Protein backbone atom coordinates (compact mmCIF):
# COMPACT_ATOMS: atom_id res chain seq x y z
CA MET A 1 -31.90 50.11 73.66
CA SER A 2 -30.18 47.66 76.00
CA ARG A 3 -29.67 43.96 75.29
CA ASP A 4 -32.38 43.13 77.84
CA GLU A 5 -34.92 45.29 75.99
CA LEU A 6 -34.44 43.55 72.64
CA PRO A 7 -37.03 40.93 71.63
CA ASP A 8 -36.06 37.29 71.97
CA PRO A 9 -35.47 36.03 68.40
CA THR A 10 -36.35 32.47 69.46
CA GLN A 11 -39.86 33.30 70.72
CA ILE A 12 -42.92 33.57 68.48
CA GLU A 13 -44.91 36.70 69.23
CA GLY A 14 -48.04 35.81 71.17
CA ALA A 15 -46.76 32.37 72.20
CA PRO A 16 -44.94 31.11 75.30
CA HIS A 17 -41.17 30.76 75.06
CA PRO A 18 -40.15 27.17 74.14
CA ARG A 19 -38.55 26.75 77.57
CA GLN A 20 -41.99 27.40 79.10
CA THR A 21 -43.68 24.73 76.98
CA LEU A 22 -43.50 21.48 78.88
CA HIS A 23 -45.55 19.33 76.49
CA LEU A 24 -44.80 18.54 72.85
CA TYR A 25 -47.51 17.25 70.53
CA GLY A 26 -47.25 15.17 67.39
CA GLN A 27 -43.52 14.43 67.57
CA ASP A 28 -43.49 11.06 69.32
CA LYS A 29 -41.09 9.50 66.81
CA ALA A 30 -38.42 12.17 67.24
CA GLU A 31 -38.67 11.89 71.03
CA ALA A 32 -38.50 8.08 70.86
CA ASP A 33 -35.43 8.19 68.59
CA PHE A 34 -33.54 10.38 71.05
CA LEU A 35 -34.62 8.30 74.04
CA THR A 36 -33.46 5.10 72.31
CA ALA A 37 -30.03 6.66 71.75
CA PHE A 38 -29.86 7.80 75.37
CA ASN A 39 -30.81 4.39 76.75
CA SER A 40 -28.22 2.71 74.54
CA HIS A 41 -25.50 4.59 76.50
CA ARG A 42 -24.04 5.75 73.18
CA LEU A 43 -25.49 9.24 73.08
CA HIS A 44 -24.10 11.30 70.20
CA HIS A 45 -22.66 14.67 71.19
CA ALA A 46 -24.45 16.76 68.52
CA TRP A 47 -27.99 16.65 67.14
CA MET A 48 -29.75 18.56 64.37
CA LEU A 49 -33.45 19.12 64.99
CA THR A 50 -34.89 19.62 61.52
CA GLY A 51 -38.31 20.19 59.98
CA PRO A 52 -40.63 23.03 58.99
CA ARG A 53 -40.79 26.19 61.08
CA GLY A 54 -43.07 26.15 64.06
CA VAL A 55 -43.54 22.39 64.49
CA GLY A 56 -41.83 22.13 67.88
CA LYS A 57 -38.09 21.91 67.19
CA ALA A 58 -37.14 24.47 69.83
CA THR A 59 -39.65 22.98 72.28
CA LEU A 60 -38.06 19.56 71.77
CA ALA A 61 -34.60 21.05 72.28
CA TRP A 62 -35.63 22.48 75.64
CA ARG A 63 -37.36 19.19 76.59
CA ILE A 64 -34.17 17.26 75.81
CA ALA A 65 -32.09 19.79 77.76
CA ARG A 66 -34.41 19.52 80.77
CA PHE A 67 -34.32 15.74 80.53
CA LEU A 68 -30.52 15.47 80.26
CA LEU A 69 -29.79 17.92 83.04
CA THR A 70 -32.09 16.10 85.46
CA GLN A 71 -30.77 12.61 84.71
CA PRO A 72 -28.10 11.09 86.98
CA LEU A 73 -24.76 10.48 85.34
CA GLU A 74 -24.25 7.01 86.74
CA GLU A 75 -26.90 4.34 86.73
CA GLY A 76 -25.04 2.28 89.30
CA GLY A 77 -26.11 -1.24 90.12
CA GLY A 78 -26.39 -0.98 93.90
CA LEU A 79 -28.23 -3.49 96.03
CA PHE A 80 -31.31 -3.60 93.80
CA GLY A 81 -29.62 -3.42 90.42
CA ALA A 82 -29.67 -0.64 87.84
CA PRO A 83 -32.75 1.61 87.73
CA GLU A 84 -35.23 1.12 84.93
CA PRO A 85 -34.33 3.13 81.80
CA PRO A 86 -36.48 6.26 81.33
CA ARG A 87 -39.49 5.77 79.07
CA HIS A 88 -40.14 9.42 78.19
CA LEU A 89 -38.47 12.83 78.18
CA ASP A 90 -40.74 14.34 80.83
CA ALA A 91 -38.95 15.96 83.77
CA ASP A 92 -40.43 16.95 87.11
CA PRO A 93 -41.39 20.65 86.75
CA GLU A 94 -40.56 21.11 90.45
CA HIS A 95 -37.00 19.79 90.02
CA PRO A 96 -34.45 22.53 90.78
CA VAL A 97 -33.09 22.26 87.22
CA SER A 98 -36.59 22.69 85.75
CA ARG A 99 -37.12 25.76 87.91
CA ARG A 100 -33.79 27.28 86.88
CA LEU A 101 -34.42 26.58 83.19
CA LEU A 102 -37.81 28.25 83.41
CA ALA A 103 -36.17 31.30 84.98
CA GLY A 104 -33.36 31.31 82.39
CA ALA A 105 -30.82 30.77 85.15
CA GLU A 106 -29.48 27.24 84.64
CA PRO A 107 -25.65 27.45 84.70
CA ARG A 108 -25.18 24.18 82.79
CA LEU A 109 -27.08 25.36 79.71
CA PHE A 110 -25.95 27.81 77.03
CA HIS A 111 -28.50 29.25 74.60
CA LEU A 112 -26.79 30.47 71.43
CA LYS A 113 -28.97 32.85 69.43
CA ARG A 114 -28.85 36.18 67.61
CA GLY A 115 -27.60 39.04 69.76
CA PRO A 116 -27.69 42.82 69.31
CA ASN A 117 -26.13 44.62 66.37
CA ASP A 118 -23.03 46.77 66.78
CA LYS A 119 -25.03 49.78 68.02
CA GLU A 120 -27.29 47.59 70.20
CA THR A 121 -30.32 49.27 68.62
CA ALA A 122 -31.80 46.07 67.17
CA LEU A 123 -31.10 42.39 66.79
CA SER A 124 -28.31 41.34 64.47
CA GLU A 125 -29.46 39.66 61.27
CA ASP A 126 -27.34 36.59 62.04
CA ILE A 127 -25.53 34.84 64.87
CA ARG A 128 -22.17 36.56 64.87
CA VAL A 129 -18.85 35.12 65.93
CA VAL A 130 -18.87 37.28 69.07
CA GLU A 131 -21.83 35.24 70.36
CA VAL A 132 -20.06 31.95 69.57
CA ARG A 133 -17.00 33.15 71.48
CA LYS A 134 -19.19 33.45 74.57
CA LEU A 135 -20.11 29.80 74.04
CA THR A 136 -16.40 28.93 73.80
CA SER A 137 -15.80 30.62 77.15
CA PHE A 138 -18.73 28.70 78.65
CA LEU A 139 -17.31 25.38 77.44
CA HIS A 140 -13.83 26.13 78.76
CA LEU A 141 -15.27 26.25 82.25
CA SER A 142 -16.04 22.99 83.98
CA ALA A 143 -19.55 22.33 85.25
CA ALA A 144 -19.74 23.15 88.95
CA ASP A 145 -20.95 19.65 89.82
CA GLY A 146 -19.06 17.85 87.06
CA GLY A 147 -22.35 16.92 85.40
CA ARG A 148 -23.76 17.19 81.92
CA ARG A 149 -24.01 20.44 79.99
CA VAL A 150 -26.25 21.33 77.06
CA VAL A 151 -25.90 23.87 74.25
CA ILE A 152 -29.00 24.93 72.27
CA VAL A 153 -28.35 26.76 68.98
CA ASP A 154 -31.51 28.45 67.72
CA ALA A 155 -31.49 28.73 64.83
CA ALA A 156 -28.30 27.27 63.41
CA ASP A 157 -29.41 28.50 59.94
CA GLU A 158 -28.70 32.03 61.18
CA LEU A 159 -25.01 31.49 61.89
CA ALA A 160 -22.75 33.98 60.11
CA THR A 161 -19.81 32.42 58.26
CA ALA A 162 -17.27 33.19 60.98
CA GLY A 163 -19.72 32.03 63.64
CA ALA A 164 -20.34 28.77 61.79
CA ASN A 165 -16.61 28.08 61.51
CA ALA A 166 -16.14 28.79 65.22
CA LEU A 167 -18.98 26.41 66.10
CA LEU A 168 -17.50 23.75 63.82
CA LYS A 169 -14.28 23.76 65.83
CA LEU A 170 -16.26 23.07 68.99
CA LEU A 171 -18.14 20.22 67.32
CA GLU A 172 -14.89 18.71 66.08
CA GLU A 173 -13.40 18.59 69.58
CA PRO A 174 -16.37 18.53 71.95
CA PRO A 175 -15.74 18.70 75.69
CA PRO A 176 -16.90 15.63 77.62
CA LEU A 177 -20.52 15.43 78.78
CA VAL A 178 -21.65 18.26 76.48
CA THR A 179 -24.64 17.78 74.16
CA PHE A 180 -25.22 20.21 71.28
CA LEU A 181 -28.80 20.68 70.02
CA LEU A 182 -28.95 22.59 66.72
CA VAL A 183 -32.40 23.83 65.75
CA THR A 184 -32.46 24.25 61.98
CA HIS A 185 -35.24 25.09 59.55
CA GLN A 186 -33.07 24.68 56.45
CA PRO A 187 -30.27 22.17 57.03
CA ALA A 188 -28.88 22.78 53.55
CA ARG A 189 -27.78 26.24 54.72
CA LEU A 190 -25.42 24.71 57.29
CA LEU A 191 -21.83 23.88 56.50
CA PRO A 192 -21.61 20.27 55.24
CA THR A 193 -18.95 19.69 57.89
CA ILE A 194 -21.37 20.77 60.61
CA ARG A 195 -24.11 18.52 59.25
CA SER A 196 -21.73 15.56 59.07
CA ARG A 197 -20.97 15.84 62.78
CA CYS A 198 -24.61 15.77 63.85
CA ARG A 199 -27.28 13.12 64.09
CA GLU A 200 -30.65 14.23 62.78
CA LEU A 201 -33.98 14.30 64.56
CA ARG A 202 -36.62 15.00 61.93
CA LEU A 203 -39.86 16.64 63.07
CA ALA A 204 -42.95 16.51 60.86
CA ALA A 205 -45.82 18.91 60.26
CA LEU A 206 -48.56 18.44 62.83
CA ALA A 207 -51.88 16.74 62.12
CA PRO A 208 -54.94 18.93 62.80
CA GLU A 209 -55.71 17.22 66.11
CA ASP A 210 -52.12 17.67 67.35
CA LEU A 211 -52.13 21.27 66.17
CA ALA A 212 -55.34 21.91 68.12
CA GLN A 213 -53.79 20.51 71.30
CA ALA A 214 -50.61 22.52 70.83
CA LEU A 215 -52.58 25.73 70.28
CA GLN A 216 -54.64 25.05 73.38
CA GLY A 217 -51.44 24.56 75.36
CA ALA A 218 -50.12 27.87 74.01
CA GLY A 219 -53.34 29.68 74.91
CA ALA A 220 -54.13 30.41 71.25
CA GLU A 221 -57.26 28.43 70.47
CA THR A 222 -59.44 28.88 67.40
CA GLU A 223 -62.89 27.66 66.41
CA ASP A 224 -61.82 26.50 62.94
CA THR A 225 -58.80 24.28 63.53
CA LEU A 226 -59.15 22.41 60.22
CA ALA A 227 -59.02 25.57 58.10
CA LEU A 228 -56.22 26.99 60.23
CA SER A 229 -54.23 23.76 59.90
CA ALA A 230 -54.66 23.86 56.13
CA LEU A 231 -53.26 27.39 55.92
CA ALA A 232 -50.57 26.87 58.54
CA GLY A 233 -49.25 23.67 56.97
CA GLY A 234 -49.24 21.89 60.33
CA SER A 235 -47.04 24.58 61.93
CA VAL A 236 -47.98 25.85 65.39
CA GLY A 237 -45.85 28.94 64.89
CA GLU A 238 -47.56 29.83 61.62
CA ALA A 239 -50.99 29.08 63.12
CA ILE A 240 -50.31 31.52 65.97
CA ARG A 241 -49.21 34.17 63.47
CA LEU A 242 -52.42 33.63 61.48
CA ILE A 243 -54.50 33.93 64.64
CA ASN A 244 -52.72 37.12 65.72
CA LEU A 245 -53.20 38.74 62.30
CA ASP A 246 -56.74 37.43 61.59
CA GLY A 247 -55.29 35.35 58.79
CA LEU A 248 -58.39 33.16 58.36
CA ASP A 249 -60.54 36.23 57.70
CA ALA A 250 -57.91 37.61 55.33
CA TYR A 251 -57.84 34.36 53.33
CA ARG A 252 -61.64 34.23 53.20
CA ALA A 253 -61.66 37.78 51.86
CA LEU A 254 -59.08 36.84 49.23
CA VAL A 255 -61.03 33.76 48.13
CA GLY A 256 -64.23 35.80 48.05
CA LEU A 257 -62.57 38.40 45.84
CA LEU A 258 -61.05 35.83 43.47
CA SER A 259 -64.37 33.99 43.18
CA GLY A 260 -65.25 36.67 40.66
CA LEU A 261 -62.49 35.60 38.26
CA PRO A 262 -62.09 36.50 35.47
CA ARG A 263 -64.12 39.63 36.31
CA ILE A 264 -63.20 40.56 39.85
CA ASP A 265 -64.69 43.54 41.65
CA ARG A 266 -61.90 46.11 41.23
CA GLN A 267 -63.27 48.35 43.94
CA LYS A 268 -63.06 45.48 46.45
CA ALA A 269 -59.63 44.58 45.12
CA TRP A 270 -58.36 48.11 45.70
CA ALA A 271 -59.86 48.18 49.19
CA LEU A 272 -58.03 44.93 49.97
CA ALA A 273 -54.76 46.34 48.62
CA GLU A 274 -55.07 49.65 50.49
CA GLY A 275 -55.45 47.74 53.74
CA MET A 276 -51.79 46.76 53.43
CA THR A 277 -50.45 50.33 53.48
CA GLY A 278 -49.47 52.56 56.35
CA LYS A 279 -47.20 52.30 59.35
CA GLY A 280 -47.87 49.25 61.47
CA ASN A 281 -49.30 47.19 58.59
CA GLU A 282 -46.03 45.57 57.57
CA ALA A 283 -47.02 42.25 59.13
CA ARG A 284 -50.40 42.30 57.38
CA PHE A 285 -48.66 43.04 54.08
CA ASP A 286 -46.32 40.08 54.54
CA LEU A 287 -49.31 37.95 55.52
CA MET A 288 -51.25 38.87 52.38
CA LEU A 289 -48.30 38.11 50.11
CA GLY A 290 -47.98 34.74 51.81
CA LEU A 291 -51.70 34.01 51.47
CA MET A 292 -51.67 34.89 47.78
CA ASP A 293 -48.69 32.59 47.28
CA LEU A 294 -50.49 29.83 49.19
CA PHE A 295 -53.69 30.29 47.16
CA LEU A 296 -51.79 29.90 43.87
CA ALA A 297 -49.96 26.82 45.17
CA ARG A 298 -53.25 25.20 46.25
CA LEU A 299 -54.80 26.22 42.91
CA ALA A 300 -52.05 24.63 40.81
CA ARG A 301 -52.13 21.46 42.91
CA ALA A 302 -55.88 21.15 42.45
CA GLY A 303 -55.47 20.39 38.74
CA LEU A 304 -53.31 17.37 39.54
CA THR A 305 -54.78 15.93 42.74
CA GLY A 306 -58.15 17.66 43.10
CA PRO A 307 -58.95 20.50 45.49
CA PRO A 308 -57.15 20.19 48.81
CA GLN A 309 -59.14 19.01 51.78
CA PRO A 310 -60.26 20.48 54.04
CA GLU A 311 -61.27 23.81 52.58
CA ALA A 312 -59.44 26.78 54.05
CA ALA A 313 -62.35 29.11 53.21
CA PRO A 314 -66.00 28.66 52.19
CA GLY A 315 -66.30 28.07 48.46
CA GLU A 316 -62.59 27.45 48.00
CA ALA A 317 -62.94 23.91 46.63
CA ALA A 318 -65.48 24.94 43.99
CA LEU A 319 -63.34 27.90 42.93
CA LEU A 320 -60.17 25.82 42.61
CA THR A 321 -62.00 23.14 40.62
CA ARG A 322 -63.45 25.73 38.23
CA LEU A 323 -60.17 27.53 37.65
CA CYS A 324 -57.90 24.48 37.50
CA PRO A 325 -59.76 21.41 36.20
CA ASP A 326 -56.82 19.51 34.69
CA GLY A 327 -53.07 19.15 34.30
CA ALA A 328 -52.79 21.75 31.53
CA ALA A 329 -54.40 24.36 33.72
CA ALA A 330 -52.20 23.27 36.62
CA GLN A 331 -49.10 23.94 34.53
CA LYS A 332 -50.34 27.41 33.63
CA TRP A 333 -51.14 28.34 37.24
CA ALA A 334 -47.85 26.90 38.46
CA GLY A 335 -46.02 29.21 36.06
CA LEU A 336 -47.96 32.21 37.33
CA HIS A 337 -47.26 31.13 40.90
CA GLN A 338 -43.55 31.19 40.19
CA ASP A 339 -43.69 34.52 38.33
CA LEU A 340 -45.71 36.29 41.01
CA GLY A 341 -43.47 34.91 43.74
CA ALA A 342 -40.49 36.51 42.02
CA ARG A 343 -42.46 39.72 41.51
CA ALA A 344 -43.34 39.88 45.20
CA ARG A 345 -39.73 39.34 46.27
CA HIS A 346 -38.53 42.04 43.89
CA GLY A 347 -41.25 44.45 44.97
CA LYS A 348 -40.31 44.06 48.62
CA ALA A 349 -36.60 44.39 47.83
CA VAL A 350 -37.12 47.77 46.12
CA ASN A 351 -39.73 48.95 48.67
CA LEU A 352 -42.54 49.13 46.16
CA ASP A 353 -45.74 50.61 47.58
CA PRO A 354 -47.60 47.67 49.22
CA ALA A 355 -50.99 48.58 47.77
CA THR A 356 -49.52 48.86 44.28
CA LEU A 357 -47.77 45.50 44.56
CA VAL A 358 -50.84 43.67 45.89
CA MET A 359 -53.12 45.25 43.28
CA ASP A 360 -50.66 44.40 40.50
CA MET A 361 -50.62 40.76 41.63
CA VAL A 362 -54.42 40.57 41.89
CA LEU A 363 -54.78 41.95 38.36
CA ALA A 364 -52.22 39.44 37.06
CA ILE A 365 -54.29 36.63 38.57
CA ASN A 366 -57.46 38.13 37.09
CA ALA A 367 -55.90 38.18 33.62
CA ALA A 368 -54.79 34.54 33.76
CA PRO A 369 -58.01 32.47 33.26
């Protein structure tokens, strides 16, 4: 398999690539913070874009790149004085830079991401130092027009140790007119010295109305945005994954099954578990483990703050209230949540049969009330 045939690790399956997404929803504060820094003429050379997965960090990185690369370097006074400072990050989609970015052919941008493994049969599990060395070569060359350059690192969490150290050297002595944009889902995984050299742009989980607009823009609409938002945690990426895998139906089936607690229908439970087996069902298996984890988290929280609103499935609020009416029950369910999370991780690590693992977890939940 050639490099060109490998999947892009920065693109969510079923969604447009972030460079193709011109509009960003629900992140006005992060955009305004960057624009304020730009208009102050004291733009920092390195930025960390942080927040949950799938909330628009990569989209914002590409918006900033498009904005920077289409802005003139000098805002000279001239006869009519300096031009008015930009009020937004929007760039003309017909601008030559916008066209080149869309085609992946902009020479003043470097996209650092995971590359192929040694045999080029699959993607590497991390961003190796060989990929960072390509960035070093890019930075040693001057921009053809002497203008700005932008480096997007997606995701910086995935940097191998040697790669992280190589990137740190570039951040310590940045070339002029280069802006680094580090997309990171877990900033704590970065070297403290990398974090200390970056300013942070924090992106938040999306409200249901923003999520609905973002899904519409990605061509992944759903009829039940409120339930989807509840399960996705305000993440567009997670919402698209749920849509692709019929996650709403899967969660409804799980809630329907657990409504029988403490006497669930074991035949239905086994049918649910068996649906996770077989080649090609790995994504559904991961989805079900995630939905079970989410159900237990929502259940434990219900004893402290009441059932979460909105419901993510019909009858969910009544079930959570019945199973977890108070703080004592919440503590019990929280303990089970932690135990089953560890059991799921161990089961996956040792390649336990998916049906066996799911059934074992369902029975543990059934035995808890």
